Amino acid sequence: MLKAEARKQYKRRREALSVTERVKLDDLLLIQLQTVQLPFITFLLSYWPIEQNHEPNTHLFTDYLEFQNPDLIICYPKSNFEDQTMQSVQTNDDTRFRKNGYGLYEPEDGVEVNPAGVDMIFVPLLSFDSKGYRVGYGKGFYDRYLPQCRNECLKIGFSYFEPLDAIDDTNEFDVPLSLCVTPTTVYVF
């Protein structure tokens, strides 16, 4: 399947889920994440789920990892739409977030963290394939950010649905996930 078709199809599939179904699926995703033996991490780049896109509730997963490691430093992306780049911004309990013009909640301020220092990234996606390649929203922010990270950095996706057999139009700039969590299993790539 091509990315454009997967993008349309999986947006519709997520929109068809009721709030109750999504809450149940988020709980199942958390249960699956809890089965993974994760290495010790210092820096996590999470993201604020976009409600109108019916994204998995990453706050659950971030809170779980923070509970496991109270010293965890949690970062959130801040996007620059002029040059299509993003940065990781370190946050804490006092960090204020604001919704930008694209519906993304971002930290208002904070210390930028070098991509090479990030240990784990929650990568947004609409769908993924059996090789770990993902279909995002098409803006390419993560495609430009991920190559700046160390090879050891864990790239984790969360999907309400099982993988596609293949995304037919991947290219050399696509960075595969390390693993993808679904309600029924964890795929390791």
N, C-alpha and C. Protein backbone atom coordinates (compact mmCIF):
# COMPACT_ATOMS: atom_id res chain seq x y z
N MET A 1 0.84 -1.17 0.00
CA MET A 1 0.00 0.00 0.00
C MET A 1 0.90 1.25 0.00
N LEU A 2 0.49 2.27 -0.71
CA LEU A 2 1.23 3.52 -0.74
C LEU A 2 0.89 4.36 0.49
N LYS A 3 1.83 5.23 0.87
CA LYS A 3 1.64 6.05 2.07
C LYS A 3 0.36 6.89 2.01
N ALA A 4 0.09 7.51 0.88
CA ALA A 4 -1.08 8.39 0.77
C ALA A 4 -2.37 7.61 1.02
N GLU A 5 -2.46 6.41 0.47
CA GLU A 5 -3.66 5.59 0.67
C GLU A 5 -3.74 5.10 2.13
N ALA A 6 -2.62 4.68 2.69
CA ALA A 6 -2.60 4.24 4.08
C ALA A 6 -3.00 5.39 5.01
N ARG A 7 -2.50 6.58 4.70
CA ARG A 7 -2.82 7.76 5.52
C ARG A 7 -4.33 7.98 5.55
N LYS A 8 -4.96 7.97 4.39
CA LYS A 8 -6.42 8.18 4.32
C LYS A 8 -7.18 7.06 5.01
N GLN A 9 -6.81 5.83 4.73
CA GLN A 9 -7.53 4.68 5.27
C GLN A 9 -7.43 4.61 6.80
N TYR A 10 -6.25 4.86 7.34
CA TYR A 10 -6.09 4.72 8.79
C TYR A 10 -6.62 5.92 9.55
N LYS A 11 -6.66 7.09 8.92
CA LYS A 11 -7.36 8.22 9.54
C LYS A 11 -8.84 7.87 9.71
N ARG A 12 -9.43 7.31 8.65
CA ARG A 12 -10.86 6.92 8.71
C ARG A 12 -11.08 5.83 9.76
N ARG A 13 -10.20 4.86 9.83
CA ARG A 13 -10.35 3.78 10.82
C ARG A 13 -10.29 4.31 12.24
N ARG A 14 -9.38 5.25 12.49
CA ARG A 14 -9.30 5.82 13.84
C ARG A 14 -10.52 6.68 14.15
N GLU A 15 -10.99 7.44 13.17
CA GLU A 15 -12.18 8.27 13.38
C GLU A 15 -13.41 7.43 13.68
N ALA A 16 -13.44 6.21 13.19
CA ALA A 16 -14.60 5.33 13.41
C ALA A 16 -14.64 4.76 14.82
N LEU A 17 -13.54 4.88 15.56
CA LEU A 17 -13.51 4.36 16.94
C LEU A 17 -14.22 5.32 17.88
N SER A 18 -15.05 4.78 18.75
CA SER A 18 -15.71 5.61 19.76
C SER A 18 -14.71 5.96 20.86
N VAL A 19 -15.05 6.93 21.69
CA VAL A 19 -14.19 7.30 22.81
C VAL A 19 -14.00 6.09 23.73
N THR A 20 -15.07 5.36 23.98
CA THR A 20 -14.98 4.17 24.84
C THR A 20 -14.04 3.13 24.26
N GLU A 21 -14.12 2.91 22.96
CA GLU A 21 -13.21 1.95 22.31
C GLU A 21 -11.77 2.41 22.42
N ARG A 22 -11.52 3.69 22.23
CA ARG A 22 -10.15 4.20 22.31
C ARG A 22 -9.59 4.09 23.72
N VAL A 23 -10.41 4.36 24.73
CA VAL A 23 -9.95 4.22 26.12
C VAL A 23 -9.55 2.77 26.39
N LYS A 24 -10.36 1.85 25.92
CA LYS A 24 -10.04 0.42 26.10
C LYS A 24 -8.75 0.06 25.36
N LEU A 25 -8.62 0.53 24.13
CA LEU A 25 -7.42 0.24 23.35
C LEU A 25 -6.17 0.86 23.98
N ASP A 26 -6.31 2.07 24.52
CA ASP A 26 -5.17 2.71 25.21
C ASP A 26 -4.73 1.87 26.40
N ASP A 27 -5.69 1.34 27.15
CA ASP A 27 -5.35 0.47 28.29
C ASP A 27 -4.61 -0.78 27.82
N LEU A 28 -5.07 -1.35 26.71
CA LEU A 28 -4.41 -2.54 26.16
C LEU A 28 -3.00 -2.22 25.67
N LEU A 29 -2.83 -1.03 25.07
CA LEU A 29 -1.49 -0.61 24.64
C LEU A 29 -0.56 -0.49 25.85
N LEU A 30 -1.06 0.08 26.93
CA LEU A 30 -0.25 0.22 28.14
C LEU A 30 0.13 -1.16 28.69
N ILE A 31 -0.80 -2.08 28.71
CA ILE A 31 -0.51 -3.44 29.19
C ILE A 31 0.59 -4.08 28.34
N GLN A 32 0.50 -3.90 27.02
CA GLN A 32 1.54 -4.46 26.14
C GLN A 32 2.89 -3.78 26.39
N LEU A 33 2.89 -2.46 26.56
CA LEU A 33 4.15 -1.75 26.83
C LEU A 33 4.78 -2.28 28.12
N GLN A 34 3.97 -2.60 29.10
CA GLN A 34 4.49 -3.08 30.38
C GLN A 34 5.14 -4.45 30.26
N THR A 35 4.92 -5.17 29.17
CA THR A 35 5.55 -6.47 28.97
C THR A 35 6.96 -6.36 28.39
N VAL A 36 7.33 -5.18 27.93
CA VAL A 36 8.62 -4.98 27.28
C VAL A 36 9.69 -4.71 28.31
N GLN A 37 10.79 -5.43 28.21
CA GLN A 37 11.95 -5.20 29.07
C GLN A 37 12.74 -4.06 28.45
N LEU A 38 12.56 -2.86 28.99
CA LEU A 38 13.22 -1.68 28.43
C LEU A 38 14.51 -1.41 29.18
N PRO A 39 15.52 -0.90 28.47
CA PRO A 39 16.75 -0.52 29.16
C PRO A 39 16.52 0.75 29.98
N PHE A 40 17.45 1.05 30.87
CA PHE A 40 17.38 2.29 31.62
C PHE A 40 17.53 3.46 30.66
N ILE A 41 16.64 4.43 30.78
CA ILE A 41 16.72 5.60 29.91
C ILE A 41 16.75 6.86 30.77
N THR A 42 17.42 7.88 30.25
CA THR A 42 17.49 9.17 30.94
C THR A 42 16.58 10.18 30.27
N PHE A 43 16.58 10.22 28.92
CA PHE A 43 15.81 11.20 28.18
C PHE A 43 14.78 10.51 27.29
N LEU A 44 13.51 10.88 27.48
CA LEU A 44 12.41 10.39 26.66
C LEU A 44 11.82 11.57 25.90
N LEU A 45 11.70 11.44 24.59
CA LEU A 45 10.96 12.41 23.78
C LEU A 45 9.58 11.82 23.53
N SER A 46 8.59 12.38 24.20
CA SER A 46 7.20 11.95 24.02
C SER A 46 6.51 12.95 23.10
N TYR A 47 5.22 12.89 22.99
CA TYR A 47 4.45 13.91 22.27
C TYR A 47 3.06 13.96 22.86
N TRP A 48 2.43 15.10 22.73
CA TRP A 48 1.08 15.33 23.23
C TRP A 48 0.12 14.80 22.18
N PRO A 49 -0.73 13.83 22.52
CA PRO A 49 -1.65 13.29 21.50
C PRO A 49 -2.66 14.34 21.03
N ILE A 50 -2.92 14.34 19.75
CA ILE A 50 -3.87 15.28 19.16
C ILE A 50 -5.24 14.64 19.20
N GLU A 51 -6.11 15.19 20.03
CA GLU A 51 -7.44 14.60 20.24
C GLU A 51 -8.23 14.49 18.94
N GLN A 52 -8.23 15.53 18.10
CA GLN A 52 -9.02 15.47 16.87
C GLN A 52 -8.50 14.44 15.88
N ASN A 53 -7.26 13.98 16.08
CA ASN A 53 -6.71 12.91 15.24
C ASN A 53 -6.91 11.53 15.85
N HIS A 54 -7.55 11.50 17.03
CA HIS A 54 -7.85 10.23 17.70
C HIS A 54 -6.58 9.41 17.94
N GLU A 55 -5.51 10.09 18.37
CA GLU A 55 -4.24 9.42 18.60
C GLU A 55 -4.27 8.66 19.93
N PRO A 56 -3.46 7.61 20.03
CA PRO A 56 -3.33 6.92 21.32
C PRO A 56 -2.88 7.89 22.40
N ASN A 57 -3.32 7.62 23.62
CA ASN A 57 -3.05 8.51 24.75
C ASN A 57 -1.62 8.29 25.27
N THR A 58 -0.68 9.00 24.68
CA THR A 58 0.72 8.86 25.07
C THR A 58 0.99 9.31 26.50
N HIS A 59 0.09 10.10 27.10
CA HIS A 59 0.28 10.49 28.50
C HIS A 59 0.33 9.26 29.41
N LEU A 60 -0.49 8.25 29.09
CA LEU A 60 -0.47 7.01 29.88
C LEU A 60 0.91 6.36 29.84
N PHE A 61 1.48 6.30 28.66
CA PHE A 61 2.76 5.60 28.47
C PHE A 61 3.91 6.40 29.09
N THR A 62 3.85 7.72 28.93
CA THR A 62 4.86 8.59 29.53
C THR A 62 4.81 8.49 31.05
N ASP A 63 3.59 8.56 31.61
CA ASP A 63 3.43 8.47 33.07
C ASP A 63 3.93 7.13 33.60
N TYR A 64 3.67 6.06 32.87
CA TYR A 64 4.15 4.74 33.29
C TYR A 64 5.68 4.72 33.36
N LEU A 65 6.34 5.23 32.31
CA LEU A 65 7.80 5.23 32.30
C LEU A 65 8.35 6.14 33.40
N GLU A 66 7.68 7.25 33.66
CA GLU A 66 8.13 8.14 34.73
C GLU A 66 7.94 7.49 36.10
N PHE A 67 6.88 6.71 36.26
CA PHE A 67 6.67 5.98 37.51
C PHE A 67 7.79 4.96 37.72
N GLN A 68 8.18 4.29 36.63
CA GLN A 68 9.26 3.29 36.70
C GLN A 68 10.60 3.95 36.99
N ASN A 69 10.77 5.17 36.52
CA ASN A 69 12.04 5.88 36.66
C ASN A 69 11.75 7.33 37.03
N PRO A 70 11.61 7.65 38.31
CA PRO A 70 11.27 9.02 38.73
C PRO A 70 12.27 10.09 38.28
N ASP A 71 13.49 9.70 37.94
CA ASP A 71 14.49 10.66 37.48
C ASP A 71 14.46 10.87 35.96
N LEU A 72 13.51 10.24 35.30
CA LEU A 72 13.40 10.35 33.85
C LEU A 72 13.18 11.81 33.45
N ILE A 73 13.91 12.25 32.45
CA ILE A 73 13.74 13.59 31.90
C ILE A 73 12.87 13.46 30.66
N ILE A 74 11.73 14.14 30.71
CA ILE A 74 10.76 14.02 29.63
C ILE A 74 10.82 15.28 28.77
N CYS A 75 10.93 15.05 27.49
CA CYS A 75 10.99 16.13 26.51
C CYS A 75 9.75 16.05 25.62
N TYR A 76 9.40 17.18 25.05
CA TYR A 76 8.32 17.25 24.07
C TYR A 76 8.85 18.02 22.87
N PRO A 77 8.31 17.71 21.69
CA PRO A 77 8.80 18.40 20.49
C PRO A 77 8.25 19.83 20.40
N LYS A 78 9.07 20.67 19.81
CA LYS A 78 8.65 22.02 19.45
C LYS A 78 8.99 22.18 17.97
N SER A 79 7.98 22.48 17.18
CA SER A 79 8.13 22.49 15.72
C SER A 79 8.37 23.89 15.18
N ASN A 80 9.21 23.95 14.16
CA ASN A 80 9.43 25.17 13.42
C ASN A 80 8.84 24.93 12.03
N PHE A 81 7.70 25.53 11.76
CA PHE A 81 7.01 25.28 10.50
C PHE A 81 7.61 26.05 9.33
N GLU A 82 8.50 26.99 9.62
CA GLU A 82 9.16 27.71 8.53
C GLU A 82 10.21 26.86 7.85
N ASP A 83 11.02 26.15 8.66
CA ASP A 83 12.06 25.31 8.06
C ASP A 83 11.78 23.81 8.22
N GLN A 84 10.57 23.48 8.73
CA GLN A 84 10.12 22.08 8.85
C GLN A 84 11.04 21.25 9.74
N THR A 85 11.55 21.86 10.82
CA THR A 85 12.38 21.12 11.77
C THR A 85 11.70 21.09 13.13
N MET A 86 12.22 20.26 14.00
CA MET A 86 11.72 20.23 15.36
C MET A 86 12.89 20.03 16.31
N GLN A 87 12.64 20.39 17.55
CA GLN A 87 13.63 20.20 18.59
C GLN A 87 12.97 19.54 19.78
N SER A 88 13.78 18.89 20.60
CA SER A 88 13.30 18.30 21.86
C SER A 88 13.50 19.33 22.95
N VAL A 89 12.43 19.60 23.70
CA VAL A 89 12.50 20.57 24.78
C VAL A 89 12.24 19.85 26.10
N GLN A 90 13.19 19.98 27.01
CA GLN A 90 13.07 19.37 28.34
C GLN A 90 11.93 20.03 29.10
N THR A 91 11.12 19.20 29.77
CA THR A 91 9.97 19.72 30.52
C THR A 91 10.04 19.27 31.99
N ASN A 92 9.19 19.87 32.80
CA ASN A 92 9.03 19.45 34.19
C ASN A 92 7.60 19.75 34.60
N ASP A 93 7.28 19.57 35.86
CA ASP A 93 5.91 19.77 36.33
C ASP A 93 5.42 21.20 36.16
N ASP A 94 6.33 22.16 36.06
CA ASP A 94 5.95 23.56 35.92
C ASP A 94 5.88 24.04 34.47
N THR A 95 6.23 23.19 33.53
CA THR A 95 6.24 23.60 32.14
C THR A 95 4.83 23.93 31.67
N ARG A 96 4.72 25.05 30.99
CA ARG A 96 3.44 25.44 30.40
C ARG A 96 3.45 25.05 28.94
N PHE A 97 2.34 24.47 28.50
CA PHE A 97 2.18 24.08 27.11
C PHE A 97 1.16 25.01 26.46
N ARG A 98 1.35 25.26 25.18
CA ARG A 98 0.35 26.04 24.46
C ARG A 98 0.07 25.33 23.14
N LYS A 99 -1.14 25.51 22.66
CA LYS A 99 -1.56 24.90 21.40
C LYS A 99 -1.17 25.83 20.26
N ASN A 100 -0.40 25.29 19.31
CA ASN A 100 0.00 26.13 18.19
C ASN A 100 -1.09 26.14 17.10
N GLY A 101 -0.85 26.82 16.03
CA GLY A 101 -1.83 26.96 14.95
C GLY A 101 -2.17 25.67 14.24
N TYR A 102 -1.39 24.62 14.48
CA TYR A 102 -1.64 23.33 13.83
C TYR A 102 -2.28 22.33 14.79
N GLY A 103 -2.67 22.81 15.97
CA GLY A 103 -3.33 21.94 16.94
C GLY A 103 -2.40 21.12 17.80
N LEU A 104 -1.11 21.43 17.78
CA LEU A 104 -0.13 20.68 18.56
C LEU A 104 0.18 21.43 19.85
N TYR A 105 0.14 20.71 20.97
CA TYR A 105 0.56 21.31 22.23
C TYR A 105 2.07 21.19 22.33
N GLU A 106 2.70 22.34 22.56
CA GLU A 106 4.15 22.39 22.66
C GLU A 106 4.56 23.15 23.92
N PRO A 107 5.75 22.82 24.47
CA PRO A 107 6.23 23.59 25.62
C PRO A 107 6.48 25.04 25.21
N GLU A 108 6.08 25.96 26.07
CA GLU A 108 6.32 27.38 25.77
C GLU A 108 7.80 27.72 25.82
N ASP A 109 8.51 27.09 26.76
CA ASP A 109 9.94 27.32 26.85
C ASP A 109 10.59 26.10 27.51
N GLY A 110 11.88 26.13 27.59
CA GLY A 110 12.61 25.01 28.18
C GLY A 110 13.95 24.83 27.50
N VAL A 111 14.76 23.97 28.06
CA VAL A 111 16.09 23.70 27.55
C VAL A 111 16.00 22.71 26.39
N GLU A 112 16.65 23.05 25.29
CA GLU A 112 16.69 22.14 24.15
C GLU A 112 17.65 21.00 24.45
N VAL A 113 17.25 19.78 24.10
CA VAL A 113 18.08 18.60 24.30
C VAL A 113 18.60 18.15 22.94
N ASN A 114 19.90 17.93 22.86
CA ASN A 114 20.52 17.47 21.63
C ASN A 114 19.92 16.13 21.23
N PRO A 115 19.54 15.94 19.95
CA PRO A 115 18.97 14.66 19.53
C PRO A 115 19.86 13.46 19.87
N ALA A 116 21.17 13.65 19.87
CA ALA A 116 22.08 12.55 20.18
C ALA A 116 21.98 12.12 21.64
N GLY A 117 21.37 12.96 22.50
CA GLY A 117 21.23 12.62 23.89
C GLY A 117 19.92 11.94 24.25
N VAL A 118 19.01 11.85 23.30
CA VAL A 118 17.70 11.24 23.56
C VAL A 118 17.84 9.72 23.51
N ASP A 119 17.29 9.04 24.53
CA ASP A 119 17.40 7.58 24.63
C ASP A 119 16.20 6.84 24.01
N MET A 120 15.03 7.49 24.07
CA MET A 120 13.80 6.84 23.58
C MET A 120 12.88 7.92 23.01
N ILE A 121 12.24 7.59 21.92
CA ILE A 121 11.31 8.52 21.27
C ILE A 121 10.00 7.80 21.00
N PHE A 122 8.90 8.42 21.42
CA PHE A 122 7.57 7.97 21.00
C PHE A 122 7.30 8.67 19.67
N VAL A 123 7.14 7.88 18.62
CA VAL A 123 7.00 8.42 17.27
C VAL A 123 5.54 8.32 16.84
N PRO A 124 4.91 9.44 16.51
CA PRO A 124 3.52 9.37 16.06
C PRO A 124 3.40 8.68 14.71
N LEU A 125 2.28 8.00 14.52
CA LEU A 125 2.06 7.31 13.25
C LEU A 125 0.57 7.08 13.03
N LEU A 126 0.23 6.85 11.78
CA LEU A 126 -1.14 6.43 11.42
C LEU A 126 -1.18 4.94 11.18
N SER A 127 -0.12 4.42 10.57
CA SER A 127 0.01 2.97 10.37
C SER A 127 1.49 2.64 10.24
N PHE A 128 1.77 1.34 10.22
CA PHE A 128 3.15 0.88 10.09
C PHE A 128 3.13 -0.45 9.35
N ASP A 129 4.31 -0.89 8.91
CA ASP A 129 4.35 -2.16 8.19
C ASP A 129 5.20 -3.19 8.92
N SER A 130 5.28 -4.37 8.35
CA SER A 130 5.95 -5.50 9.00
C SER A 130 7.46 -5.32 9.11
N LYS A 131 8.02 -4.29 8.49
CA LYS A 131 9.45 -4.01 8.61
C LYS A 131 9.73 -2.84 9.56
N GLY A 132 8.68 -2.27 10.13
CA GLY A 132 8.87 -1.18 11.07
C GLY A 132 8.78 0.21 10.47
N TYR A 133 8.51 0.29 9.17
CA TYR A 133 8.35 1.61 8.57
C TYR A 133 6.95 2.13 8.87
N ARG A 134 6.85 3.44 9.03
CA ARG A 134 5.58 4.01 9.45
C ARG A 134 5.05 5.01 8.44
N VAL A 135 3.77 5.25 8.54
CA VAL A 135 3.13 6.33 7.79
C VAL A 135 2.72 7.37 8.83
N GLY A 136 3.30 8.56 8.70
CA GLY A 136 2.96 9.66 9.59
C GLY A 136 1.95 10.57 8.92
N TYR A 137 1.98 11.82 9.31
CA TYR A 137 1.02 12.78 8.78
C TYR A 137 1.50 13.48 7.51
N GLY A 138 2.73 13.18 7.09
CA GLY A 138 3.20 13.67 5.81
C GLY A 138 4.00 14.96 5.84
N LYS A 139 4.27 15.50 7.02
CA LYS A 139 5.04 16.76 7.09
C LYS A 139 6.54 16.51 7.18
N GLY A 140 6.95 15.31 7.62
CA GLY A 140 8.36 14.94 7.61
C GLY A 140 9.19 15.41 8.80
N PHE A 141 8.56 15.95 9.85
CA PHE A 141 9.33 16.44 10.99
C PHE A 141 10.16 15.33 11.63
N TYR A 142 9.53 14.17 11.87
CA TYR A 142 10.26 13.07 12.50
C TYR A 142 11.26 12.45 11.53
N ASP A 143 10.94 12.44 10.23
CA ASP A 143 11.87 11.90 9.24
C ASP A 143 13.17 12.72 9.23
N ARG A 144 13.08 14.01 9.50
CA ARG A 144 14.28 14.85 9.57
C ARG A 144 14.97 14.76 10.94
N TYR A 145 14.18 14.52 11.98
CA TYR A 145 14.74 14.49 13.34
C TYR A 145 15.44 13.16 13.65
N LEU A 146 14.81 12.05 13.31
CA LEU A 146 15.33 10.73 13.71
C LEU A 146 16.75 10.44 13.26
N PRO A 147 17.17 10.82 12.05
CA PRO A 147 18.57 10.53 11.66
C PRO A 147 19.61 11.24 12.52
N GLN A 148 19.20 12.26 13.27
CA GLN A 148 20.13 12.98 14.14
C GLN A 148 20.37 12.23 15.45
N CYS A 149 19.56 11.21 15.72
CA CYS A 149 19.65 10.45 16.97
C CYS A 149 20.66 9.32 16.83
N ARG A 150 21.14 8.85 17.96
CA ARG A 150 22.05 7.70 17.96
C ARG A 150 21.33 6.46 17.44
N ASN A 151 22.05 5.51 16.91
CA ASN A 151 21.46 4.25 16.44
C ASN A 151 20.79 3.49 17.58
N GLU A 152 21.33 3.64 18.81
CA GLU A 152 20.78 2.92 19.97
C GLU A 152 19.48 3.51 20.49
N CYS A 153 19.13 4.68 20.05
CA CYS A 153 17.90 5.33 20.51
C CYS A 153 16.70 4.47 20.12
N LEU A 154 15.86 4.16 21.09
CA LEU A 154 14.67 3.36 20.83
C LEU A 154 13.57 4.22 20.25
N LYS A 155 13.07 3.82 19.11
CA LYS A 155 11.99 4.53 18.43
C LYS A 155 10.73 3.66 18.54
N ILE A 156 9.76 4.15 19.32
CA ILE A 156 8.58 3.34 19.63
C ILE A 156 7.33 3.99 19.06
N GLY A 157 6.55 3.19 18.35
CA GLY A 157 5.26 3.63 17.84
C GLY A 157 4.14 2.94 18.59
N PHE A 158 2.97 3.53 18.56
CA PHE A 158 1.77 2.95 19.17
C PHE A 158 0.67 2.96 18.12
N SER A 159 0.06 1.81 17.91
CA SER A 159 -0.97 1.70 16.88
C SER A 159 -2.15 0.90 17.40
N TYR A 160 -3.35 1.39 17.13
CA TYR A 160 -4.55 0.64 17.48
C TYR A 160 -4.74 -0.56 16.56
N PHE A 161 -4.01 -0.58 15.44
CA PHE A 161 -4.22 -1.59 14.41
C PHE A 161 -2.94 -2.39 14.13
N GLU A 162 -3.12 -3.54 13.55
CA GLU A 162 -1.99 -4.41 13.20
C GLU A 162 -1.25 -3.84 11.98
N PRO A 163 -0.04 -4.34 11.70
CA PRO A 163 0.76 -3.75 10.61
C PRO A 163 0.24 -4.11 9.22
N LEU A 164 0.56 -3.23 8.29
CA LEU A 164 0.39 -3.53 6.87
C LEU A 164 1.49 -4.53 6.49
N ASP A 165 1.27 -5.27 5.42
CA ASP A 165 2.34 -6.15 4.94
C ASP A 165 3.56 -5.33 4.54
N ALA A 166 3.32 -4.27 3.77
CA ALA A 166 4.42 -3.42 3.32
C ALA A 166 3.89 -2.04 2.94
N ILE A 167 4.73 -1.05 3.17
CA ILE A 167 4.49 0.29 2.64
C ILE A 167 5.36 0.36 1.39
N ASP A 168 4.72 0.47 0.25
CA ASP A 168 5.41 0.29 -1.02
C ASP A 168 6.29 1.46 -1.44
N ASP A 169 6.08 2.64 -0.87
CA ASP A 169 6.86 3.79 -1.32
C ASP A 169 7.79 4.33 -0.23
N THR A 170 8.39 3.42 0.55
CA THR A 170 9.42 3.88 1.50
C THR A 170 10.64 4.32 0.69
N ASN A 171 11.47 5.15 1.31
CA ASN A 171 12.68 5.59 0.63
C ASN A 171 13.84 5.61 1.61
N GLU A 172 15.01 6.04 1.13
CA GLU A 172 16.22 6.00 1.95
C GLU A 172 16.17 6.95 3.15
N PHE A 173 15.23 7.88 3.15
CA PHE A 173 15.11 8.83 4.26
C PHE A 173 14.20 8.32 5.37
N ASP A 174 13.46 7.25 5.12
CA ASP A 174 12.57 6.69 6.13
C ASP A 174 13.39 5.91 7.17
N VAL A 175 13.13 6.19 8.43
CA VAL A 175 13.82 5.51 9.53
C VAL A 175 12.82 4.57 10.18
N PRO A 176 13.13 3.27 10.22
CA PRO A 176 12.17 2.33 10.83
C PRO A 176 12.11 2.48 12.35
N LEU A 177 11.00 2.06 12.89
CA LEU A 177 10.82 2.00 14.34
C LEU A 177 11.68 0.88 14.91
N SER A 178 11.97 0.97 16.20
CA SER A 178 12.62 -0.14 16.91
C SER A 178 11.57 -1.16 17.31
N LEU A 179 10.41 -0.66 17.72
CA LEU A 179 9.28 -1.52 18.04
C LEU A 179 7.99 -0.74 17.92
N CYS A 180 6.90 -1.47 17.73
CA CYS A 180 5.58 -0.86 17.68
C CYS A 180 4.64 -1.66 18.58
N VAL A 181 3.95 -0.94 19.44
CA VAL A 181 3.04 -1.54 20.41
C VAL A 181 1.62 -1.48 19.84
N THR A 182 0.95 -2.63 19.83
CA THR A 182 -0.45 -2.69 19.43
C THR A 182 -1.24 -3.26 20.62
N PRO A 183 -2.56 -3.25 20.55
CA PRO A 183 -3.34 -3.79 21.67
C PRO A 183 -3.12 -5.28 21.94
N THR A 184 -2.60 -6.00 20.96
CA THR A 184 -2.46 -7.45 21.11
C THR A 184 -1.02 -7.94 21.24
N THR A 185 -0.05 -7.13 20.79
CA THR A 185 1.34 -7.60 20.81
C THR A 185 2.29 -6.43 20.65
N VAL A 186 3.58 -6.71 20.80
CA VAL A 186 4.63 -5.74 20.54
C VAL A 186 5.48 -6.28 19.40
N TYR A 187 5.59 -5.50 18.35
CA TYR A 187 6.40 -5.88 17.19
C TYR A 187 7.80 -5.31 17.38
N VAL A 188 8.81 -6.14 17.23
CA VAL A 188 10.19 -5.72 17.37
C VAL A 188 10.83 -5.80 16.00
N PHE A 189 11.54 -4.74 15.62
CA PHE A 189 12.14 -4.68 14.28
C PHE A 189 13.65 -4.61 14.36
